C-alpha atoms as a PDB file:
ATOM      1  CA  MET A   1       0.079  -0.105  -0.075  1.00  0.00           C
ATOM      2  CA  LEU A   2       1.306   3.517  -0.810  1.00  0.00           C
ATOM      3  CA  PHE A   3       0.223   4.684   2.506  1.00  0.00           C
ATOM      4  CA  ASP A   4      -1.014   3.038   5.753  1.00  0.00           C
ATOM      5  CA  LYS A   5      -3.087   5.788   7.167  1.00  0.00           C
ATOM      6  CA  ILE A   6      -4.938   8.929   6.485  1.00  0.00           C
ATOM      7  CA  GLY A   7      -4.062  10.969   9.363  1.00  0.00           C
ATOM      8  CA  ASN A   8      -4.736   8.675  12.261  1.00  0.00           C
ATOM      9  CA  VAL A   9      -7.239   6.479  10.291  1.00  0.00           C
ATOM     10  CA  LYS A  10      -6.226   3.195   9.057  1.00  0.00           C
ATOM     11  CA  PRO A  11      -8.154   1.808   6.162  1.00  0.00           C
ATOM     12  CA  LYS A  12      -9.009  -1.853   6.470  1.00  0.00           C
ATOM     13  CA  SER A  13      -7.920  -2.704   2.835  1.00  0.00           C
ATOM     14  CA  ARG A  14      -6.770  -0.931  -0.358  1.00  0.00           C
ATOM     15  CA  ALA A  15     -10.344  -1.070  -1.862  1.00  0.00           C
ATOM     16  CA  PHE A  16     -12.073   2.335  -1.250  1.00  0.00           C
ATOM     17  CA  LEU A  17     -15.626   3.028  -1.947  1.00  0.00           C
ATOM     18  CA  ALA A  18     -16.017   6.326  -3.983  1.00  0.00           C
ATOM     19  CA  PRO A  19     -18.826   8.666  -2.985  1.00  0.00           C
ATOM     20  CA  MET A  20     -21.592   8.464  -5.546  1.00  0.00           C
ATOM     21  CA  ALA A  21     -24.586  10.764  -5.321  1.00  0.00           C
ATOM     22  CA  GLY A  22     -27.818   8.769  -5.293  1.00  0.00           C
ATOM     23  CA  VAL A  23     -25.793   5.419  -4.886  1.00  0.00           C
ATOM     24  CA  SER A  24     -23.632   5.318  -1.841  1.00  0.00           C
ATOM     25  CA  ASP A  25     -26.201   5.470   0.882  1.00  0.00           C
ATOM     26  CA  ARG A  26     -25.679   3.756   4.447  1.00  0.00           C
ATOM     27  CA  ALA A  27     -27.047   0.458   3.140  1.00  0.00           C
ATOM     28  CA  TYR A  28     -24.779   0.286   0.064  1.00  0.00           C
ATOM     29  CA  ARG A  29     -21.715   1.341   2.110  1.00  0.00           C
ATOM     30  CA  GLU A  30     -22.422  -1.356   4.610  1.00  0.00           C
ATOM     31  CA  LEU A  31     -22.779  -3.952   2.039  1.00  0.00           C
ATOM     32  CA  CYS A  32     -19.488  -2.799   0.456  1.00  0.00           C
ATOM     33  CA  ALA A  33     -17.706  -2.820   3.739  1.00  0.00           C
ATOM     34  CA  LYS A  34     -18.917  -6.378   4.259  1.00  0.00           C
ATOM     35  CA  PHE A  35     -17.452  -7.380   0.930  1.00  0.00           C
ATOM     36  CA  GLY A  36     -14.103  -5.777   1.643  1.00  0.00           C
ATOM     37  CA  ALA A  37     -14.237  -1.971   1.133  1.00  0.00           C
ATOM     38  CA  GLY A  38     -11.518  -0.767   3.511  1.00  0.00           C
ATOM     39  CA  TYR A  39     -12.863   2.800   3.593  1.00  0.00           C
ATOM     40  CA  CYS A  40     -16.340   4.284   2.669  1.00  0.00           C
ATOM     41  CA  VAL A  41     -17.444   7.890   1.893  1.00  0.00           C
ATOM     42  CA  SER A  42     -20.981   9.193   2.273  1.00  0.00           C
ATOM     43  CA  GLU A  43     -22.858  10.645  -0.708  1.00  0.00           C
ATOM     44  CA  MET A  44     -22.069  14.458  -1.216  1.00  0.00           C
ATOM     45  CA  VAL A  45     -23.900  16.622   1.281  1.00  0.00           C
ATOM     46  CA  SER A  46     -24.582  20.345   0.394  1.00  0.00           C
ATOM     47  CA  SER A  47     -23.310  22.860   2.877  1.00  0.00           C
ATOM     48  CA  LYS A  48     -26.039  25.267   1.801  1.00  0.00           C
ATOM     49  CA  ALA A  49     -28.729  22.727   2.321  1.00  0.00           C
ATOM     50  CA  LEU A  50     -27.438  22.153   5.798  1.00  0.00           C
ATOM     51  CA  SER A  51     -27.524  25.775   6.597  1.00  0.00           C
ATOM     52  CA  PHE A  52     -31.072  25.611   5.724  1.00  0.00           C
ATOM     53  CA  ASN A  53     -31.551  22.732   8.231  1.00  0.00           C
ATOM     54  CA  SER A  54     -32.421  20.282   5.431  1.00  0.00           C
ATOM     55  CA  LYS A  55     -33.575  16.887   7.061  1.00  0.00           C
ATOM     56  CA  LYS A  56     -32.564  14.958   3.981  1.00  0.00           C
ATOM     57  CA  SER A  57     -29.077  16.427   3.888  1.00  0.00           C
ATOM     58  CA  GLU A  58     -28.758  15.646   7.666  1.00  0.00           C
ATOM     59  CA  ASP A  59     -29.985  12.043   6.936  1.00  0.00           C
ATOM     60  CA  LEU A  60     -27.154  11.525   4.326  1.00  0.00           C
ATOM     61  CA  MET A  61     -24.537  11.986   7.124  1.00  0.00           C
ATOM     62  CA  GLY A  62     -25.728   9.055   9.146  1.00  0.00           C
ATOM     63  CA  ILE A  63     -22.841   6.456   9.688  1.00  0.00           C
ATOM     64  CA  SER A  64     -22.874   3.005  11.296  1.00  0.00           C
ATOM     65  CA  ASP A  65     -20.154   1.030  12.783  1.00  0.00           C
ATOM     66  CA  ILE A  66     -20.251  -1.613  10.097  1.00  0.00           C
ATOM     67  CA  GLU A  67     -19.078   0.805   7.416  1.00  0.00           C
ATOM     68  CA  ARG A  68     -16.119   2.387   9.350  1.00  0.00           C
ATOM     69  CA  PRO A  69     -13.847   3.804   8.726  1.00  0.00           C
ATOM     70  CA  CYS A  70     -16.154   6.136   6.910  1.00  0.00           C
ATOM     71  CA  GLY A  71     -15.922   9.692   5.759  1.00  0.00           C
ATOM     72  CA  ILE A  72     -18.640  12.374   5.111  1.00  0.00           C
ATOM     73  CA  GLN A  73     -18.189  14.290   1.860  1.00  0.00           C
ATOM     74  CA  ILE A  74     -19.406  17.912   1.826  1.00  0.00           C
ATOM     75  CA  PHE A  75     -19.508  20.375  -0.917  1.00  0.00           C
ATOM     76  CA  GLY A  76     -19.898  24.136  -1.338  1.00  0.00           C
ATOM     77  CA  ASP A  77     -18.223  27.379  -2.482  1.00  0.00           C
ATOM     78  CA  GLU A  78     -18.213  29.521   0.721  1.00  0.00           C
ATOM     79  CA  PRO A  79     -15.422  28.715   3.247  1.00  0.00           C
ATOM     80  CA  LEU A  80     -17.615  29.699   6.178  1.00  0.00           C
ATOM     81  CA  CYS A  81     -20.649  27.735   5.201  1.00  0.00           C
ATOM     82  CA  ILE A  82     -18.618  24.589   4.227  1.00  0.00           C
ATOM     83  CA  ALA A  83     -16.827  24.867   7.562  1.00  0.00           C
ATOM     84  CA  GLN A  84     -20.013  25.070   9.387  1.00  0.00           C
ATOM     85  CA  ALA A  85     -21.226  21.953   7.447  1.00  0.00           C
ATOM     86  CA  ALA A  86     -18.072  20.154   8.637  1.00  0.00           C
ATOM     87  CA  GLU A  87     -18.812  21.173  12.210  1.00  0.00           C
ATOM     88  CA  ARG A  88     -22.438  19.569  11.752  1.00  0.00           C
ATOM     89  CA  ALA A  89     -20.947  16.541  10.096  1.00  0.00           C
ATOM     90  CA  ILE A  90     -18.823  15.990  13.111  1.00  0.00           C
ATOM     91  CA  LYS A  91     -21.867  15.291  15.223  1.00  0.00           C
ATOM     92  CA  ASN A  92     -22.187  12.016  13.160  1.00  0.00           C
ATOM     93  CA  ASN A  93     -18.665  10.996  14.265  1.00  0.00           C
ATOM     94  CA  PRO A  94     -17.066  10.565  10.743  1.00  0.00           C
ATOM     95  CA  ASP A  95     -13.479   9.312  10.662  1.00  0.00           C
ATOM     96  CA  ILE A  96     -12.737  11.745   7.913  1.00  0.00           C
ATOM     97  CA  ILE A  97     -14.288  14.912   6.291  1.00  0.00           C
ATOM     98  CA  ASP A  98     -13.924  14.816   2.461  1.00  0.00           C
ATOM     99  CA  ILE A  99     -14.423  17.996   0.510  1.00  0.00           C
ATOM    100  CA  ASN A 100     -15.820  17.640  -3.101  1.00  0.00           C
ATOM    101  CA  MET A 101     -13.899  19.814  -5.602  1.00  0.00           C
ATOM    102  CA  GLY A 102     -14.236  17.400  -8.369  1.00  0.00           C
ATOM    103  CA  CYS A 103     -17.850  16.964  -9.298  1.00  0.00           C
ATOM    104  CA  PRO A 104     -18.310  18.042 -12.903  1.00  0.00           C
ATOM    105  CA  ALA A 105     -22.123  17.713 -12.881  1.00  0.00           C
ATOM    106  CA  PRO A 106     -23.765  20.974 -14.090  1.00  0.00           C
ATOM    107  CA  LYS A 107     -26.146  20.910 -11.099  1.00  0.00           C
ATOM    108  CA  ILE A 108     -23.202  21.300  -8.869  1.00  0.00           C
ATOM    109  CA  SER A 109     -20.394  23.070 -10.846  1.00  0.00           C
ATOM    110  CA  SER A 110     -22.755  25.653 -12.331  1.00  0.00           C
ATOM    111  CA  ASN A 111     -23.197  26.948  -8.713  1.00  0.00           C
ATOM    112  CA  GLY A 112     -19.438  27.515  -8.293  1.00  0.00           C
ATOM    113  CA  SER A 113     -19.044  24.164  -6.241  1.00  0.00           C
ATOM    114  CA  GLY A 114     -17.449  20.852  -7.111  1.00  0.00           C
ATOM    115  CA  SER A 115     -14.959  21.013 -10.091  1.00  0.00           C
ATOM    116  CA  ALA A 116     -15.705  24.750 -10.621  1.00  0.00           C
ATOM    117  CA  LEU A 117     -13.733  25.437  -7.437  1.00  0.00           C
ATOM    118  CA  MET A 118     -10.580  24.416  -9.457  1.00  0.00           C
ATOM    119  CA  LYS A 119     -10.951  27.634 -11.495  1.00  0.00           C
ATOM    120  CA  ASN A 120      -9.926  29.607  -8.222  1.00  0.00           C
ATOM    121  CA  PRO A 121      -7.035  27.869  -6.426  1.00  0.00           C
ATOM    122  CA  GLY A 122      -6.982  30.483  -3.796  1.00  0.00           C
ATOM    123  CA  LEU A 123     -10.619  29.773  -2.883  1.00  0.00           C
ATOM    124  CA  CYS A 124      -9.900  26.116  -2.597  1.00  0.00           C
ATOM    125  CA  GLY A 125      -7.119  26.853  -0.142  1.00  0.00           C
ATOM    126  CA  GLU A 126      -9.449  29.059   1.911  1.00  0.00           C
ATOM    127  CA  ILE A 127     -12.052  26.278   2.031  1.00  0.00           C
ATOM    128  CA  VAL A 128      -9.602  23.535   3.091  1.00  0.00           C
ATOM    129  CA  GLN A 129      -8.136  25.829   5.674  1.00  0.00           C
ATOM    130  CA  ALA A 130     -11.640  26.702   7.233  1.00  0.00           C
ATOM    131  CA  VAL A 131     -12.705  23.029   7.236  1.00  0.00           C
ATOM    132  CA  VAL A 132      -9.364  21.826   8.881  1.00  0.00           C
ATOM    133  CA  LYS A 133      -9.826  24.506  11.577  1.00  0.00           C
ATOM    134  CA  SER A 134     -13.499  23.587  12.229  1.00  0.00           C
ATOM    135  CA  CYS A 135     -13.506  19.766  12.517  1.00  0.00           C
ATOM    136  CA  GLY A 136     -10.572  18.081  14.240  1.00  0.00           C
ATOM    137  CA  VAL A 137     -10.529  14.994  12.004  1.00  0.00           C
ATOM    138  CA  PRO A 138      -8.434  14.353   9.001  1.00  0.00           C
ATOM    139  CA  VAL A 139      -9.603  16.155   5.919  1.00  0.00           C
ATOM    140  CA  THR A 140      -9.291  14.969   2.278  1.00  0.00           C
ATOM    141  CA  VAL A 141     -10.276  16.697  -0.907  1.00  0.00           C
ATOM    142  CA  LYS A 142     -11.654  15.031  -4.197  1.00  0.00           C
ATOM    143  CA  ILE A 143     -10.236  16.779  -7.180  1.00  0.00           C
ATOM    144  CA  ARG A 144      -9.914  16.167 -10.964  1.00  0.00           C
ATOM    145  CA  LYS A 145      -6.844  16.940 -13.192  1.00  0.00           C
ATOM    146  CA  GLY A 146      -8.418  20.256 -13.864  1.00  0.00           C
ATOM    147  CA  TRP A 147     -11.558  22.159 -14.505  1.00  0.00           C
ATOM    148  CA  ASP A 148     -11.551  20.827 -18.180  1.00  0.00           C
ATOM    149  CA  ASP A 149      -9.226  19.054 -20.524  1.00  0.00           C
ATOM    150  CA  ASP A 150      -7.157  22.259 -21.064  1.00  0.00           C
ATOM    151  CA  SER A 151      -6.768  23.289 -17.471  1.00  0.00           C
ATOM    152  CA  GLY A 152      -4.666  20.654 -15.654  1.00  0.00           C
ATOM    153  CA  ASN A 153      -3.994  22.343 -12.258  1.00  0.00           C
ATOM    154  CA  ALA A 154      -4.481  19.412  -9.872  1.00  0.00           C
ATOM    155  CA  VAL A 155      -0.842  19.567  -8.746  1.00  0.00           C
ATOM    156  CA  GLU A 156      -1.152  23.260  -7.983  1.00  0.00           C
ATOM    157  CA  ILE A 157      -4.399  22.676  -6.098  1.00  0.00           C
ATOM    158  CA  ALA A 158      -2.883  19.842  -4.204  1.00  0.00           C
ATOM    159  CA  LYS A 159       0.058  21.808  -3.141  1.00  0.00           C
ATOM    160  CA  ILE A 160      -2.212  24.640  -1.912  1.00  0.00           C
END
């Protein structure tokens, strides 16, 4: 394995379950964990929806012991709002908070979230810094090679 831990979290195997909207709900994550997934991540949760007290978004963050280690993935485009979402996520005792900066779906990226964040590396850094300060667990970030095929800035973003 290239790494043994993410912060203080030790995956059970090298097989990680990627977060998939509409797919990786708790039942699916538990099933995958039973069949060898060493680390699972929730469906992405909107920081703005959490700020409006969305029950559906709150429900997406439920984690069982079967699926651990498990992260909660959050997305948004405002550092304070996404940091507050991380604070709310922590109430569900995730092992990791994952920030989505890679979703290219128009529903997400047209609002400045997901992969659209890669257009603004400085904002990416502000978001990561705000989340790290707010949550007290390891933070990971999902990115792509760049915003589009001509903008490969993943290394720059990763260094930030």
